[in-house]
Protein backbone atom coordinates (compact mmCIF):
# COMPACT_ATOMS: atom_id res chain seq x y z
CA MET A 1 -0.09 -0.02 0.28
CA THR A 2 1.44 3.42 -1.01
CA PRO A 3 1.86 6.13 1.78
CA LYS A 4 -0.96 8.10 0.13
CA ALA A 5 -3.15 5.28 0.53
CA LYS A 6 -2.27 4.69 3.92
CA GLY A 7 -2.76 8.33 4.67
CA ALA A 8 -6.07 8.39 2.87
CA ALA A 9 -8.56 7.11 5.21
CA THR A 10 -7.27 9.71 7.81
CA THR A 11 -7.63 12.60 5.54
CA ALA A 12 -11.26 13.69 6.59
CA ALA A 13 -10.32 12.67 10.53
CA THR A 14 -7.39 15.00 10.63
CA ALA A 15 -8.02 18.06 8.22
CA LEU A 16 -10.43 19.84 11.10
CA LEU A 17 -8.88 19.00 14.09
CA LEU A 18 -8.20 21.18 17.25
CA ALA A 19 -11.20 23.56 16.71
CA GLY A 20 -11.42 25.99 19.04
CA CYS A 21 -14.78 27.46 20.42
CA GLY A 22 -16.53 30.30 18.81
CA SER A 23 -15.37 31.97 15.39
CA GLY A 24 -11.69 30.42 15.24
CA GLU A 25 -9.18 27.63 15.70
CA ARG A 26 -6.71 27.87 17.99
CA VAL A 27 -2.98 28.95 16.68
CA PHE A 28 0.17 27.53 17.69
CA GLU A 29 3.67 27.86 18.39
CA PRO A 30 5.88 25.13 17.32
CA GLU A 31 6.85 24.04 20.80
CA GLU A 32 2.99 24.52 21.68
CA LEU A 33 1.72 22.02 19.29
CA VAL A 34 4.46 19.38 19.84
CA THR A 35 3.62 19.60 23.81
CA GLU A 36 -0.02 19.40 22.72
CA LEU A 37 0.42 16.32 20.87
CA ASN A 38 2.87 14.68 22.84
CA GLY A 39 0.21 14.97 26.02
CA SER A 40 -1.80 12.83 24.00
CA GLY A 41 0.81 10.12 23.14
CA ALA A 42 1.90 11.29 19.88
CA ASN A 43 5.61 11.08 20.75
CA ILE A 44 7.03 13.84 18.50
CA LYS A 45 10.30 15.29 18.78
CA LEU A 46 10.86 18.88 17.09
CA GLY A 47 14.05 19.08 15.22
CA PRO A 48 15.94 22.18 13.92
CA ILE A 49 14.77 24.52 11.25
CA LEU A 50 15.54 23.25 8.04
CA THR A 51 14.88 26.52 5.82
CA THR A 52 12.70 29.43 5.46
CA ASN A 53 10.29 29.75 2.62
CA PRO A 54 9.78 32.80 0.84
CA ASP A 55 6.67 33.66 2.72
CA GLY A 56 8.46 33.82 5.89
CA VAL A 57 7.19 30.37 7.16
CA ASP A 58 9.95 28.29 8.99
CA VAL A 59 9.95 24.53 7.79
CA THR A 60 11.37 22.71 11.04
CA SER A 61 11.68 18.68 11.10
CA VAL A 62 9.63 16.44 13.15
CA PHE A 63 10.40 13.02 14.07
CA VAL A 64 7.83 10.60 15.46
CA ALA A 65 9.76 8.65 18.12
CA ASP A 66 8.84 4.95 18.91
CA PRO A 67 7.40 4.75 22.61
CA ALA A 68 9.71 1.72 23.38
CA GLY A 69 12.59 3.91 22.68
CA GLN A 70 13.53 1.71 19.51
CA GLY A 71 14.32 4.81 17.36
CA ASP A 72 12.03 6.78 15.16
CA LEU A 73 8.87 5.29 13.42
CA GLY A 74 9.18 8.32 10.92
CA ALA A 75 10.45 11.75 9.84
CA GLY A 76 8.85 14.97 8.39
CA THR A 77 8.39 18.49 8.30
CA MET A 78 5.81 20.87 10.25
CA VAL A 79 4.92 24.25 8.80
CA LEU A 80 3.00 26.76 11.06
CA LEU A 81 1.09 29.24 9.21
CA GLU A 82 -0.48 32.60 10.34
CA ASP A 83 -3.95 31.39 10.46
CA THR A 84 -6.11 28.31 10.17
CA GLU A 85 -7.20 29.27 6.46
CA ALA A 86 -3.50 29.20 5.36
CA ALA A 87 -2.90 26.16 7.04
CA ARG A 88 -6.11 24.34 5.25
CA ASP A 89 -4.58 25.90 1.90
CA GLU A 90 -1.36 24.33 2.81
CA PHE A 91 -3.06 20.90 3.87
CA ALA A 92 -5.00 20.83 0.69
CA ARG A 93 -1.67 21.09 -1.29
CA CYS A 94 0.31 18.67 1.03
CA GLU A 95 -2.71 16.14 0.10
CA SER A 96 -2.43 16.58 -3.53
CA THR A 97 1.29 15.10 -3.39
CA PRO A 98 1.18 11.48 -3.51
CA SER A 99 4.22 10.65 -1.76
CA LEU A 100 2.82 12.98 1.00
CA ILE A 101 1.07 11.47 4.66
CA CYS A 102 -0.55 14.83 5.94
CA PHE A 103 -1.76 15.86 9.15
CA ARG A 104 -3.39 19.38 10.32
CA ALA A 105 -3.96 20.85 13.62
CA ALA A 106 -5.39 24.27 13.65
CA ASN A 107 -2.68 26.47 12.00
CA GLY A 108 -0.32 23.60 11.56
CA VAL A 109 0.52 21.27 8.99
CA LEU A 110 2.68 18.05 9.59
CA ARG A 111 4.02 16.43 6.34
CA PHE A 112 5.60 13.03 6.18
CA GLU A 113 7.36 10.85 3.08
CA GLU A 114 7.74 7.94 5.57
CA LEU A 115 5.73 7.14 8.39
CA LEU A 116 5.48 3.27 9.54
CA PRO A 117 1.55 2.67 10.42
CA ALA A 118 2.69 2.80 14.44
CA GLY A 119 3.63 6.23 13.85
CA GLN A 120 0.76 7.06 11.97
CA ALA A 121 -1.52 5.68 14.49
CA GLN A 122 0.09 7.59 17.41
CA VAL A 123 -0.12 10.85 15.84
CA GLU A 124 -4.10 9.76 14.59
CA VAL A 125 -4.89 9.08 18.01
CA ALA A 126 -3.37 12.26 19.39
CA LEU A 127 -5.12 14.31 17.13
CA ARG A 128 -8.48 12.72 17.74
CA GLU A 129 -7.78 13.02 21.79
CA ILE A 130 -7.04 16.83 21.33
CA GLU A 131 -10.01 17.30 19.07
CA THR A 132 -12.47 15.44 21.82
CA ALA A 133 -10.85 17.65 24.65
CA GLU A 134 -11.57 20.51 23.16
């Protein structure tokens, strides 16, 4: 099964997560989003900023760690945009790329080229837990 096929089932579930009350969604900084996801079991490690795109958005490396300490289950990137509308656009662009598994949480988009099923499950479960806690 291709990464896109594996991620297709989660597209709807992950696209609109972390909605806030009222008129908008939460807006995170990198450390805040990783802390929020890890509090629900994602086990994401924030890496260095890899580059800054022409719009001034940092592209930061992320790793999904094996909770048993056996290495990483996947590596990818995270972008945090100025608002959730921009994140929706970035998520749509990510989803249109066949080789990427994509998740959106409020103003953040996580993109993975390779993510083992256990890592994908960790991120999905964390996103669902955060959504239901809101």
